[in-house]
Amino acid sequence: MINYRIVISSMAFCILLSITGTASAGLGFPSLLGTSSNSSSDMTATANMQTKLITDFITGEKSVLSSQADMTKALGLSDQAAKLNAAIAALGTGATNKSIGDAIGVSESATDQISKMKLGTMKLSADAKATMTHAIPEYLLGVVALIKLKPDYSSFMSAAQKQVSSASIMDVTKVKDKLSVGMFVASNGPGYTESLGKTTSDLITYAKGNNISIPKDATSLLPGF
């Protein structure tokens, strides 16, 4: 004997799913069925963008941190130099929101301290001057590398947000987790790069006054020329 209650319930459930799926698609909401409108190829492309963005950011960031560690040590800020070296080591163990966030934080602290040193009025030892001679060009190249990432920050963020908004309700958290580090870099990179500009002009002025060679790549992208 046919159980009409079961049949009617099944039909109602199917109709509900159909209506829900249509409504969510028409209004731009994620599907409640756990399906996603973004293709696997789009997600792969976005994941590849993230890998490149993180790799390029860390490459530039390590140059900034390394040069800041040398400069702060030369300027007698040994504790700050130790923190910068620790941040470099942490980045080497893996790119996470914490390791990148910590690196940005300690770098910004070093930027503030270096900017307060008034290099043009300081009398440095011969060893300190030698350190500054190789540290300043490395710092400027690191800053330039981060400046060049400006269009990558915005393009990745747009792609990531598209993946999140088109993911199903069941998948949205997974997508956010997969792209979280790239989104962290894209969100914090622009402001951080701008903060590094606090010291570039002073360092360039110091370099010019002490016959320190300035990298050619820095002449068009950094202030002070």
N, C-alpha and C. Protein backbone atom coordinates (compact mmCIF):
# COMPACT_ATOMS: atom_id res chain seq x y z
N MET A 1 0.85 -1.19 0.00
CA MET A 1 0.00 0.00 0.00
C MET A 1 0.89 1.25 0.00
N ILE A 2 0.49 2.20 -0.82
CA ILE A 2 1.27 3.44 -0.92
C ILE A 2 1.04 4.31 0.31
N ASN A 3 2.10 4.74 0.89
CA ASN A 3 2.00 5.65 2.03
C ASN A 3 1.93 7.08 1.48
N TYR A 4 0.71 7.60 1.39
CA TYR A 4 0.51 8.90 0.75
C TYR A 4 1.18 10.03 1.54
N ARG A 5 1.27 9.88 2.85
CA ARG A 5 1.94 10.92 3.64
C ARG A 5 3.40 11.06 3.24
N ILE A 6 4.04 9.91 3.02
CA ILE A 6 5.46 9.94 2.62
C ILE A 6 5.60 10.55 1.23
N VAL A 7 4.72 10.17 0.31
CA VAL A 7 4.78 10.70 -1.05
C VAL A 7 4.58 12.20 -1.05
N ILE A 8 3.54 12.65 -0.31
CA ILE A 8 3.25 14.09 -0.28
C ILE A 8 4.40 14.85 0.37
N SER A 9 4.96 14.30 1.43
CA SER A 9 6.08 14.96 2.11
C SER A 9 7.28 15.06 1.19
N SER A 10 7.55 14.01 0.44
CA SER A 10 8.68 13.99 -0.48
C SER A 10 8.50 15.03 -1.57
N MET A 11 7.26 15.10 -2.12
CA MET A 11 6.98 16.07 -3.16
C MET A 11 7.15 17.49 -2.63
N ALA A 12 6.68 17.73 -1.42
CA ALA A 12 6.79 19.06 -0.83
C ALA A 12 8.24 19.44 -0.61
N PHE A 13 9.02 18.47 -0.17
CA PHE A 13 10.45 18.74 0.07
C PHE A 13 11.16 19.09 -1.23
N CYS A 14 10.84 18.35 -2.29
CA CYS A 14 11.47 18.61 -3.60
C CYS A 14 11.10 19.99 -4.11
N ILE A 15 9.81 20.36 -3.94
CA ILE A 15 9.35 21.67 -4.38
C ILE A 15 10.07 22.77 -3.59
N LEU A 16 10.21 22.55 -2.28
CA LEU A 16 10.90 23.53 -1.44
C LEU A 16 12.33 23.72 -1.87
N LEU A 17 13.02 22.63 -2.16
CA LEU A 17 14.41 22.72 -2.61
C LEU A 17 14.50 23.46 -3.92
N SER A 18 13.55 23.19 -4.81
CA SER A 18 13.55 23.85 -6.11
C SER A 18 13.36 25.34 -5.96
N ILE A 19 12.39 25.73 -5.10
CA ILE A 19 12.11 27.14 -4.89
C ILE A 19 13.31 27.83 -4.24
N THR A 20 13.89 27.16 -3.24
CA THR A 20 15.04 27.73 -2.53
C THR A 20 16.21 27.94 -3.46
N GLY A 21 16.49 26.93 -4.29
CA GLY A 21 17.61 27.03 -5.22
C GLY A 21 17.41 28.14 -6.21
N THR A 22 16.17 28.28 -6.73
CA THR A 22 15.88 29.32 -7.70
C THR A 22 15.98 30.70 -7.08
N ALA A 23 15.43 30.82 -5.89
CA ALA A 23 15.46 32.12 -5.21
C ALA A 23 16.87 32.54 -4.89
N SER A 24 17.66 31.60 -4.37
CA SER A 24 19.03 31.96 -4.00
C SER A 24 19.84 32.33 -5.21
N ALA A 25 19.61 31.65 -6.33
CA ALA A 25 20.35 31.98 -7.55
C ALA A 25 19.92 33.32 -8.08
N GLY A 26 18.60 33.58 -8.05
CA GLY A 26 18.10 34.83 -8.60
C GLY A 26 18.51 36.03 -7.78
N LEU A 27 18.64 35.87 -6.47
CA LEU A 27 19.00 36.98 -5.61
C LEU A 27 20.49 37.08 -5.35
N GLY A 28 21.27 36.17 -5.90
CA GLY A 28 22.71 36.21 -5.71
C GLY A 28 23.18 35.62 -4.42
N PHE A 29 22.30 34.85 -3.72
CA PHE A 29 22.68 34.21 -2.47
C PHE A 29 23.29 32.84 -2.75
N PRO A 30 24.10 32.33 -1.84
CA PRO A 30 24.64 30.98 -2.00
C PRO A 30 23.52 29.95 -2.00
N SER A 31 23.72 28.89 -2.72
CA SER A 31 22.74 27.80 -2.73
C SER A 31 22.74 27.10 -1.40
N LEU A 32 21.55 26.69 -0.93
CA LEU A 32 21.46 25.98 0.34
C LEU A 32 21.74 24.50 0.19
N LEU A 33 21.95 24.05 -1.04
CA LEU A 33 22.13 22.62 -1.28
C LEU A 33 23.58 22.18 -1.12
N GLY A 34 24.45 23.13 -0.88
CA GLY A 34 25.85 22.76 -0.75
C GLY A 34 26.57 22.74 -2.07
N THR A 35 25.94 23.21 -3.15
CA THR A 35 26.61 23.30 -4.44
C THR A 35 27.16 24.70 -4.60
N SER A 36 28.06 24.88 -5.51
CA SER A 36 28.70 26.17 -5.71
C SER A 36 28.72 26.51 -7.18
N SER A 37 28.54 27.80 -7.47
CA SER A 37 28.52 28.21 -8.87
C SER A 37 29.93 28.45 -9.40
N ASN A 38 30.91 28.62 -8.52
CA ASN A 38 32.27 28.84 -9.00
C ASN A 38 32.89 27.51 -9.38
N SER A 39 33.54 27.53 -10.53
CA SER A 39 34.13 26.30 -11.03
C SER A 39 35.43 26.00 -10.30
N SER A 40 35.83 24.74 -10.37
CA SER A 40 37.09 24.34 -9.71
C SER A 40 38.27 25.04 -10.35
N SER A 41 38.17 25.33 -11.65
CA SER A 41 39.28 26.00 -12.32
C SER A 41 39.44 27.43 -11.82
N ASP A 42 38.30 28.11 -11.54
CA ASP A 42 38.37 29.46 -10.99
C ASP A 42 39.02 29.45 -9.61
N MET A 43 38.65 28.48 -8.79
CA MET A 43 39.22 28.38 -7.46
C MET A 43 40.70 28.07 -7.53
N THR A 44 41.08 27.22 -8.46
CA THR A 44 42.50 26.90 -8.63
C THR A 44 43.28 28.13 -9.04
N ALA A 45 42.70 28.92 -9.94
CA ALA A 45 43.36 30.14 -10.39
C ALA A 45 43.53 31.13 -9.24
N THR A 46 42.50 31.24 -8.40
CA THR A 46 42.58 32.15 -7.26
C THR A 46 43.60 31.65 -6.24
N ALA A 47 43.64 30.34 -6.02
CA ALA A 47 44.62 29.77 -5.10
C ALA A 47 46.04 30.01 -5.61
N ASN A 48 46.22 29.92 -6.92
CA ASN A 48 47.55 30.18 -7.51
C ASN A 48 47.93 31.65 -7.35
N MET A 49 46.94 32.54 -7.50
CA MET A 49 47.19 33.97 -7.27
C MET A 49 47.64 34.21 -5.84
N GLN A 50 46.99 33.49 -4.90
CA GLN A 50 47.36 33.63 -3.50
C GLN A 50 48.79 33.17 -3.25
N THR A 51 49.16 32.05 -3.81
CA THR A 51 50.52 31.52 -3.63
C THR A 51 51.55 32.52 -4.12
N LYS A 52 51.31 33.10 -5.29
CA LYS A 52 52.26 34.07 -5.86
C LYS A 52 52.31 35.33 -5.01
N LEU A 53 51.14 35.82 -4.57
CA LEU A 53 51.10 37.03 -3.76
C LEU A 53 51.87 36.84 -2.46
N ILE A 54 51.63 35.73 -1.79
CA ILE A 54 52.31 35.48 -0.52
C ILE A 54 53.81 35.33 -0.72
N THR A 55 54.19 34.58 -1.75
CA THR A 55 55.61 34.38 -2.04
C THR A 55 56.31 35.70 -2.31
N ASP A 56 55.71 36.53 -3.16
CA ASP A 56 56.31 37.82 -3.51
C ASP A 56 56.35 38.76 -2.31
N PHE A 57 55.28 38.72 -1.50
CA PHE A 57 55.27 39.58 -0.31
C PHE A 57 56.37 39.18 0.66
N ILE A 58 56.49 37.89 0.92
CA ILE A 58 57.49 37.44 1.88
C ILE A 58 58.91 37.72 1.38
N THR A 59 59.12 37.60 0.08
CA THR A 59 60.44 37.91 -0.48
C THR A 59 60.81 39.36 -0.21
N GLY A 60 59.88 40.28 -0.50
CA GLY A 60 60.14 41.69 -0.22
C GLY A 60 60.24 41.98 1.26
N GLU A 61 59.38 41.33 2.03
CA GLU A 61 59.35 41.56 3.48
C GLU A 61 60.65 41.09 4.14
N LYS A 62 61.17 39.97 3.69
CA LYS A 62 62.43 39.49 4.28
C LYS A 62 63.58 40.46 4.01
N SER A 63 63.58 41.07 2.84
CA SER A 63 64.61 42.07 2.54
C SER A 63 64.47 43.27 3.47
N VAL A 64 63.23 43.69 3.70
CA VAL A 64 62.99 44.81 4.61
C VAL A 64 63.42 44.45 6.03
N LEU A 65 62.99 43.30 6.50
CA LEU A 65 63.31 42.88 7.87
C LEU A 65 64.81 42.70 8.07
N SER A 66 65.47 42.06 7.11
CA SER A 66 66.91 41.82 7.21
C SER A 66 67.69 43.12 7.27
N SER A 67 67.33 44.05 6.40
CA SER A 67 68.03 45.34 6.39
C SER A 67 67.72 46.14 7.65
N GLN A 68 66.49 46.07 8.12
CA GLN A 68 66.16 46.76 9.36
C GLN A 68 66.91 46.16 10.55
N ALA A 69 67.08 44.86 10.54
CA ALA A 69 67.83 44.21 11.62
C ALA A 69 69.27 44.72 11.64
N ASP A 70 69.87 44.82 10.46
CA ASP A 70 71.25 45.32 10.38
C ASP A 70 71.32 46.79 10.81
N MET A 71 70.37 47.59 10.33
CA MET A 71 70.40 49.01 10.65
C MET A 71 70.18 49.26 12.14
N THR A 72 69.20 48.57 12.71
CA THR A 72 68.92 48.80 14.13
C THR A 72 70.09 48.35 15.00
N LYS A 73 70.74 47.28 14.60
CA LYS A 73 71.92 46.84 15.36
C LYS A 73 73.04 47.86 15.25
N ALA A 74 73.24 48.40 14.03
CA ALA A 74 74.27 49.41 13.82
C ALA A 74 73.98 50.68 14.60
N LEU A 75 72.69 50.96 14.82
CA LEU A 75 72.30 52.16 15.54
C LEU A 75 72.19 51.94 17.04
N GLY A 76 72.58 50.74 17.50
CA GLY A 76 72.58 50.45 18.92
C GLY A 76 71.26 49.94 19.47
N LEU A 77 70.37 49.52 18.57
CA LEU A 77 69.06 49.01 18.99
C LEU A 77 69.06 47.49 18.91
N SER A 78 69.85 46.86 19.75
CA SER A 78 70.06 45.41 19.66
C SER A 78 68.79 44.61 19.93
N ASP A 79 67.98 45.06 20.88
CA ASP A 79 66.74 44.35 21.19
C ASP A 79 65.80 44.34 19.98
N GLN A 80 65.71 45.46 19.31
CA GLN A 80 64.87 45.55 18.12
C GLN A 80 65.41 44.66 17.01
N ALA A 81 66.73 44.63 16.88
CA ALA A 81 67.35 43.78 15.86
C ALA A 81 67.03 42.31 16.11
N ALA A 82 67.05 41.90 17.38
CA ALA A 82 66.74 40.51 17.73
C ALA A 82 65.29 40.16 17.36
N LYS A 83 64.37 41.09 17.59
CA LYS A 83 62.96 40.86 17.25
C LYS A 83 62.78 40.72 15.74
N LEU A 84 63.50 41.53 14.99
CA LEU A 84 63.42 41.46 13.53
C LEU A 84 63.95 40.13 13.01
N ASN A 85 65.06 39.68 13.57
CA ASN A 85 65.62 38.39 13.15
C ASN A 85 64.68 37.24 13.52
N ALA A 86 64.01 37.36 14.66
CA ALA A 86 63.05 36.33 15.06
C ALA A 86 61.87 36.30 14.10
N ALA A 87 61.46 37.46 13.62
CA ALA A 87 60.35 37.53 12.66
C ALA A 87 60.74 36.87 11.34
N ILE A 88 61.99 37.07 10.92
CA ILE A 88 62.48 36.42 9.70
C ILE A 88 62.44 34.91 9.85
N ALA A 89 62.89 34.43 11.00
CA ALA A 89 62.90 32.99 11.26
C ALA A 89 61.48 32.42 11.25
N ALA A 90 60.54 33.15 11.84
CA ALA A 90 59.15 32.69 11.89
C ALA A 90 58.55 32.60 10.49
N LEU A 91 58.86 33.55 9.64
CA LEU A 91 58.36 33.50 8.26
C LEU A 91 58.93 32.30 7.52
N GLY A 92 60.13 31.90 7.90
CA GLY A 92 60.75 30.75 7.24
C GLY A 92 60.09 29.43 7.59
N THR A 93 59.34 29.40 8.68
CA THR A 93 58.67 28.15 9.08
C THR A 93 57.29 28.01 8.47
N GLY A 94 56.80 29.06 7.82
CA GLY A 94 55.49 28.99 7.18
C GLY A 94 54.77 30.31 7.20
N ALA A 95 54.04 30.59 6.11
CA ALA A 95 53.30 31.84 6.00
C ALA A 95 51.93 31.68 6.63
N THR A 96 51.73 32.29 7.78
CA THR A 96 50.44 32.28 8.46
C THR A 96 50.04 33.72 8.75
N ASN A 97 48.77 33.91 9.09
CA ASN A 97 48.34 35.26 9.47
C ASN A 97 49.16 35.79 10.65
N LYS A 98 49.49 34.90 11.58
CA LYS A 98 50.24 35.32 12.76
C LYS A 98 51.68 35.70 12.41
N SER A 99 52.37 34.83 11.65
CA SER A 99 53.77 35.12 11.34
C SER A 99 53.90 36.38 10.49
N ILE A 100 52.97 36.56 9.55
CA ILE A 100 53.00 37.76 8.71
C ILE A 100 52.61 38.99 9.51
N GLY A 101 51.57 38.85 10.34
CA GLY A 101 51.15 39.97 11.18
C GLY A 101 52.23 40.40 12.16
N ASP A 102 52.90 39.43 12.76
CA ASP A 102 54.00 39.74 13.68
C ASP A 102 55.14 40.42 12.96
N ALA A 103 55.44 39.96 11.76
CA ALA A 103 56.53 40.56 10.97
C ALA A 103 56.21 42.01 10.63
N ILE A 104 54.98 42.26 10.24
CA ILE A 104 54.56 43.62 9.92
C ILE A 104 54.66 44.51 11.16
N GLY A 105 54.21 43.98 12.29
CA GLY A 105 54.22 44.75 13.53
C GLY A 105 55.62 45.14 13.97
N VAL A 106 56.54 44.19 13.96
CA VAL A 106 57.90 44.47 14.41
C VAL A 106 58.62 45.37 13.42
N SER A 107 58.29 45.23 12.14
CA SER A 107 58.89 46.09 11.12
C SER A 107 58.43 47.53 11.28
N GLU A 108 57.14 47.72 11.53
CA GLU A 108 56.62 49.08 11.73
C GLU A 108 57.23 49.72 12.97
N SER A 109 57.46 48.92 14.01
CA SER A 109 58.10 49.43 15.21
C SER A 109 59.53 49.88 14.89
N ALA A 110 60.24 49.08 14.10
CA ALA A 110 61.60 49.44 13.71
C ALA A 110 61.60 50.70 12.86
N THR A 111 60.62 50.80 11.98
CA THR A 111 60.51 51.99 11.13
C THR A 111 60.38 53.25 11.99
N ASP A 112 59.53 53.19 13.01
CA ASP A 112 59.35 54.33 13.90
C ASP A 112 60.64 54.68 14.63
N GLN A 113 61.34 53.64 15.11
CA GLN A 113 62.57 53.89 15.87
C GLN A 113 63.66 54.46 14.97
N ILE A 114 63.80 53.92 13.77
CA ILE A 114 64.83 54.43 12.86
C ILE A 114 64.54 55.87 12.46
N SER A 115 63.25 56.17 12.24
CA SER A 115 62.88 57.52 11.81
C SER A 115 63.16 58.56 12.90
N LYS A 116 63.22 58.12 14.17
CA LYS A 116 63.48 59.04 15.28
C LYS A 116 64.98 59.25 15.53
N MET A 117 65.81 58.47 14.82
CA MET A 117 67.24 58.53 15.09
C MET A 117 67.93 59.74 14.46
N LYS A 118 67.27 60.39 13.49
CA LYS A 118 67.85 61.56 12.81
C LYS A 118 69.26 61.24 12.32
N LEU A 119 69.30 60.34 11.34
CA LEU A 119 70.57 59.82 10.85
C LEU A 119 71.54 60.90 10.38
N GLY A 120 70.98 61.96 9.79
CA GLY A 120 71.85 63.01 9.25
C GLY A 120 72.68 63.71 10.29
N THR A 121 72.27 63.65 11.55
CA THR A 121 72.99 64.34 12.62
C THR A 121 73.81 63.38 13.48
N MET A 122 73.72 62.07 13.18
CA MET A 122 74.42 61.08 14.01
C MET A 122 75.86 60.87 13.54
N LYS A 123 76.73 60.62 14.50
CA LYS A 123 78.10 60.25 14.19
C LYS A 123 78.24 58.75 14.40
N LEU A 124 78.34 58.03 13.29
CA LEU A 124 78.42 56.58 13.36
C LEU A 124 79.86 56.11 13.28
N SER A 125 80.12 54.96 13.90
CA SER A 125 81.45 54.36 13.82
C SER A 125 81.69 53.86 12.40
N ALA A 126 82.92 53.51 12.10
CA ALA A 126 83.26 53.02 10.77
C ALA A 126 82.49 51.73 10.47
N ASP A 127 82.40 50.85 11.47
CA ASP A 127 81.66 49.59 11.29
C ASP A 127 80.18 49.84 11.04
N ALA A 128 79.61 50.79 11.79
CA ALA A 128 78.19 51.12 11.62
C ALA A 128 77.93 51.69 10.23
N LYS A 129 78.82 52.54 9.77
CA LYS A 129 78.67 53.11 8.44
C LYS A 129 78.75 52.03 7.36
N ALA A 130 79.67 51.06 7.58
CA ALA A 130 79.80 49.96 6.63
C ALA A 130 78.52 49.14 6.58
N THR A 131 77.91 48.93 7.74
CA THR A 131 76.65 48.19 7.80
C THR A 131 75.55 48.95 7.06
N MET A 132 75.46 50.24 7.29
CA MET A 132 74.44 51.06 6.62
C MET A 132 74.63 51.06 5.11
N THR A 133 75.89 50.95 4.67
CA THR A 133 76.18 50.98 3.24
C THR A 133 75.53 49.84 2.49
N HIS A 134 75.45 48.67 3.10
CA HIS A 134 74.79 47.54 2.41
C HIS A 134 73.33 47.38 2.85
N ALA A 135 72.99 47.89 4.06
CA ALA A 135 71.63 47.71 4.56
C ALA A 135 70.63 48.64 3.88
N ILE A 136 71.02 49.86 3.62
CA ILE A 136 70.08 50.83 3.02
C ILE A 136 69.64 50.41 1.63
N PRO A 137 70.57 50.04 0.73
CA PRO A 137 70.11 49.58 -0.60
C PRO A 137 69.19 48.36 -0.51
N GLU A 138 69.50 47.43 0.39
CA GLU A 138 68.66 46.25 0.54
C GLU A 138 67.26 46.65 1.02
N TYR A 139 67.20 47.59 1.96
CA TYR A 139 65.92 48.07 2.46
C TYR A 139 65.09 48.70 1.34
N LEU A 140 65.74 49.56 0.56
CA LEU A 140 65.02 50.26 -0.51
C LEU A 140 64.50 49.27 -1.55
N LEU A 141 65.28 48.26 -1.87
CA LEU A 141 64.82 47.25 -2.84
C LEU A 141 63.65 46.45 -2.27
N GLY A 142 63.68 46.18 -0.97
CA GLY A 142 62.57 45.47 -0.34
C GLY A 142 61.29 46.29 -0.39
N VAL A 143 61.41 47.58 -0.10
CA VAL A 143 60.24 48.47 -0.15
C VAL A 143 59.70 48.55 -1.57
N VAL A 144 60.59 48.66 -2.54
CA VAL A 144 60.18 48.71 -3.95
C VAL A 144 59.42 47.44 -4.33
N ALA A 145 59.93 46.29 -3.89
CA ALA A 145 59.27 45.01 -4.19
C ALA A 145 57.84 44.99 -3.64
N LEU A 146 57.65 45.57 -2.47
CA LEU A 146 56.31 45.61 -1.87
C LEU A 146 55.42 46.63 -2.58
N ILE A 147 55.99 47.75 -2.99
CA ILE A 147 55.22 48.75 -3.73
C ILE A 147 54.70 48.17 -5.04
N LYS A 148 55.51 47.36 -5.69
CA LYS A 148 55.12 46.77 -6.96
C LYS A 148 53.95 45.79 -6.82
N LEU A 149 53.67 45.37 -5.59
CA LEU A 149 52.57 44.43 -5.36
C LEU A 149 51.20 45.12 -5.27
N LYS A 150 51.18 46.45 -5.33
CA LYS A 150 49.93 47.19 -5.15
C LYS A 150 48.81 46.68 -6.05
N PRO A 151 49.02 46.51 -7.36
CA PRO A 151 47.92 45.98 -8.19
C PRO A 151 47.56 44.53 -7.86
N ASP A 152 48.54 43.76 -7.37
CA ASP A 152 48.28 42.37 -7.01
C ASP A 152 47.39 42.27 -5.77
N TYR A 153 47.56 43.21 -4.83
CA TYR A 153 46.70 43.21 -3.65
C TYR A 153 45.24 43.31 -4.05
N SER A 154 44.93 44.28 -4.90
CA SER A 154 43.53 44.53 -5.27
C SER A 154 42.97 43.43 -6.17
N SER A 155 43.78 42.94 -7.11
CA SER A 155 43.28 41.91 -8.02
C SER A 155 43.02 40.60 -7.29
N PHE A 156 43.89 40.25 -6.34
CA PHE A 156 43.65 39.03 -5.58
C PHE A 156 42.43 39.18 -4.69
N MET A 157 42.31 40.32 -4.01
CA MET A 157 41.18 40.52 -3.12
C MET A 157 39.86 40.41 -3.88
N SER A 158 39.81 40.96 -5.08
CA SER A 158 38.60 40.88 -5.89
C SER A 158 38.27 39.44 -6.23
N ALA A 159 39.31 38.69 -6.64
CA ALA A 159 39.11 37.28 -6.98
C ALA A 159 38.68 36.46 -5.77
N ALA A 160 39.29 36.74 -4.63
CA ALA A 160 38.96 36.00 -3.40
C ALA A 160 37.53 36.29 -2.95
N GLN A 161 37.15 37.55 -2.99
CA GLN A 161 35.80 37.92 -2.58
C GLN A 161 34.76 37.29 -3.51
N LYS A 162 35.10 37.18 -4.78
CA LYS A 162 34.19 36.53 -5.73
C LYS A 162 34.01 35.06 -5.37
N GLN A 163 35.10 34.40 -4.99
CA GLN A 163 35.01 32.99 -4.60
C GLN A 163 34.16 32.82 -3.34
N VAL A 164 34.34 33.72 -2.38
CA VAL A 164 33.58 33.63 -1.14
C VAL A 164 32.10 33.88 -1.38
N SER A 165 31.79 34.91 -2.16
CA SER A 165 30.39 35.27 -2.37
C SER A 165 29.65 34.24 -3.20
N SER A 166 30.37 33.50 -4.06
CA SER A 166 29.70 32.52 -4.91
C SER A 166 29.71 31.11 -4.31
N ALA A 167 30.39 30.96 -3.16
CA ALA A 167 30.43 29.64 -2.52
C ALA A 167 29.10 29.32 -1.86
N SER A 168 28.81 28.04 -1.75
CA SER A 168 27.60 27.63 -1.06
C SER A 168 27.75 27.88 0.44
N ILE A 169 26.62 27.88 1.14
CA ILE A 169 26.66 28.09 2.58
C ILE A 169 27.51 27.02 3.26
N MET A 170 27.48 25.81 2.73
CA MET A 170 28.26 24.72 3.31
C MET A 170 29.75 24.88 3.04
N ASP A 171 30.11 25.61 1.95
CA ASP A 171 31.51 25.71 1.56
C ASP A 171 32.15 27.05 1.90
N VAL A 172 31.36 28.05 2.27
CA VAL A 172 31.92 29.40 2.41
C VAL A 172 33.03 29.47 3.45
N THR A 173 32.87 28.78 4.57
CA THR A 173 33.91 28.79 5.60
C THR A 173 35.19 28.14 5.10
N LYS A 174 35.04 27.06 4.37
CA LYS A 174 36.20 26.37 3.81
C LYS A 174 36.94 27.25 2.83
N VAL A 175 36.20 27.98 2.00
CA VAL A 175 36.82 28.88 1.02
C VAL A 175 37.55 30.01 1.73
N LYS A 176 36.91 30.58 2.76
CA LYS A 176 37.56 31.65 3.51
C LYS A 176 38.86 31.17 4.17
N ASP A 177 38.81 29.96 4.73
CA ASP A 177 40.00 29.41 5.37
C ASP A 177 41.13 29.20 4.36
N LYS A 178 40.76 28.72 3.17
CA LYS A 178 41.76 28.43 2.16
C LYS A 178 42.44 29.70 1.65
N LEU A 179 41.70 30.79 1.64
CA LEU A 179 42.22 32.05 1.08
C LEU A 179 42.56 33.07 2.15
N SER A 180 42.54 32.68 3.41
CA SER A 180 42.66 33.64 4.51
C SER A 180 44.01 34.35 4.54
N VAL A 181 45.09 33.63 4.28
CA VAL A 181 46.42 34.26 4.36
C VAL A 181 46.58 35.30 3.24
N GLY A 182 46.14 34.93 2.05
CA GLY A 182 46.23 35.87 0.94
C GLY A 182 45.38 37.11 1.19
N MET A 183 44.19 36.91 1.75
CA MET A 183 43.32 38.04 2.05
C MET A 183 43.90 38.91 3.16
N PHE A 184 44.60 38.29 4.09
CA PHE A 184 45.27 39.05 5.16
C PHE A 184 46.36 39.94 4.57
N VAL A 185 47.15 39.36 3.68
CA VAL A 185 48.23 40.12 3.03
C VAL A 185 47.64 41.25 2.18
N ALA A 186 46.61 40.94 1.40
CA ALA A 186 46.01 41.93 0.53
C ALA A 186 45.36 43.07 1.32
N SER A 187 44.86 42.76 2.50
CA SER A 187 44.22 43.78 3.34
C SER A 187 45.23 44.67 4.05
N ASN A 188 46.34 44.07 4.51
CA ASN A 188 47.31 44.80 5.31
C ASN A 188 48.51 45.32 4.53
N GLY A 189 48.77 44.73 3.37
CA GLY A 189 49.93 45.11 2.59
C GLY A 189 49.99 46.58 2.20
N PRO A 190 48.91 47.15 1.66
CA PRO A 190 48.98 48.55 1.22
C PRO A 190 49.32 49.52 2.34
N GLY A 191 48.64 49.42 3.48
CA GLY A 191 48.90 50.32 4.58
C GLY A 191 50.30 50.14 5.15
N TYR A 192 50.74 48.89 5.22
CA TYR A 192 52.08 48.60 5.73
C TYR A 192 53.13 49.21 4.82
N THR A 193 52.98 49.03 3.52
CA THR A 193 53.94 49.57 2.57
C THR A 193 54.02 51.08 2.69
N GLU A 194 52.87 51.70 2.88
CA GLU A 194 52.85 53.16 3.05
C GLU A 194 53.60 53.58 4.30
N SER A 195 53.48 52.78 5.37
CA SER A 195 54.16 53.12 6.62
C SER A 195 55.68 53.07 6.47
N LEU A 196 56.16 52.21 5.57
CA LEU A 196 57.60 52.11 5.37
C LEU A 196 58.17 53.40 4.76
N GLY A 197 57.29 54.15 4.11
CA GLY A 197 57.74 55.40 3.51
C GLY A 197 58.22 56.42 4.52
N LYS A 198 57.93 56.20 5.80
CA LYS A 198 58.37 57.14 6.84
C LYS A 198 59.89 57.26 6.87
N THR A 199 60.58 56.19 6.53
CA THR A 199 62.04 56.22 6.64
C THR A 199 62.76 56.33 5.31
N THR A 200 62.06 56.10 4.20
CA THR A 200 62.78 56.06 2.93
C THR A 200 63.46 57.38 2.59
N SER A 201 62.76 58.48 2.78
CA SER A 201 63.35 59.78 2.44
C SER A 201 64.60 60.06 3.27
N ASP A 202 64.52 59.79 4.58
CA ASP A 202 65.68 60.01 5.45
C ASP A 202 66.85 59.12 5.07
N LEU A 203 66.54 57.86 4.74
CA LEU A 203 67.61 56.94 4.36
C LEU A 203 68.25 57.33 3.04
N ILE A 204 67.44 57.79 2.11
CA ILE A 204 67.98 58.23 0.82
C ILE A 204 68.86 59.47 1.01
N THR A 205 68.41 60.40 1.84
CA THR A 205 69.21 61.60 2.12
C THR A 205 70.54 61.21 2.77
N TYR A 206 70.46 60.28 3.72
CA TYR A 206 71.69 59.81 4.38
C TYR A 206 72.61 59.14 3.36
N ALA A 207 72.04 58.31 2.51
CA ALA A 207 72.84 57.59 1.51
C ALA A 207 73.55 58.56 0.57
N LYS A 208 72.82 59.56 0.11
CA LYS A 208 73.42 60.53 -0.80
C LYS A 208 74.56 61.30 -0.13
N GLY A 209 74.38 61.57 1.15
CA GLY A 209 75.42 62.32 1.86
C GLY A 209 76.61 61.48 2.26
N ASN A 210 76.50 60.16 2.10
CA ASN A 210 77.60 59.27 2.51
C ASN A 210 78.05 58.36 1.37
N ASN A 211 77.77 58.78 0.15
CA ASN A 211 78.23 58.07 -1.05
C ASN A 211 77.79 56.61 -1.09
N ILE A 212 76.57 56.37 -0.63
CA ILE A 212 76.01 55.02 -0.69
C ILE A 212 75.19 54.89 -1.96
N SER A 213 75.49 53.87 -2.74
CA SER A 213 74.81 53.69 -4.02
C SER A 213 73.33 53.34 -3.83
N ILE A 214 72.47 54.05 -4.55
CA ILE A 214 71.03 53.80 -4.49
C ILE A 214 70.62 52.92 -5.67
N PRO A 215 69.89 51.83 -5.43
CA PRO A 215 69.46 50.96 -6.53
C PRO A 215 68.64 51.72 -7.56
N LYS A 216 68.87 51.44 -8.83
CA LYS A 216 68.16 52.14 -9.90
C LYS A 216 66.65 51.93 -9.82
N ASP A 217 66.23 50.74 -9.37
CA ASP A 217 64.80 50.44 -9.29
C ASP A 217 64.08 51.36 -8.30
N ALA A 218 64.85 51.97 -7.40
CA ALA A 218 64.23 52.80 -6.37
C ALA A 218 63.96 54.22 -6.85
N THR A 219 64.62 54.64 -7.90
CA THR A 219 64.55 56.05 -8.30
C THR A 219 63.17 56.49 -8.77
N SER A 220 62.41 55.58 -9.35
CA SER A 220 61.09 55.97 -9.90
C SER A 220 59.94 55.67 -8.95
N LEU A 221 60.17 54.87 -7.91
CA LEU A 221 59.08 54.45 -7.05
C LEU A 221 59.15 54.97 -5.62
N LEU A 222 60.27 55.56 -5.25
CA LEU A 222 60.42 56.03 -3.87
C LEU A 222 60.57 57.54 -3.83
N PRO A 223 60.12 58.16 -2.75
CA PRO A 223 60.27 59.61 -2.60
C PRO A 223 61.72 59.97 -2.29
N GLY A 224 62.08 61.21 -2.54
CA GLY A 224 63.40 61.67 -2.17
C GLY A 224 64.35 61.86 -3.32
N PHE A 225 63.87 61.72 -4.54
CA PHE A 225 64.77 61.87 -5.70
C PHE A 225 64.42 63.16 -6.45
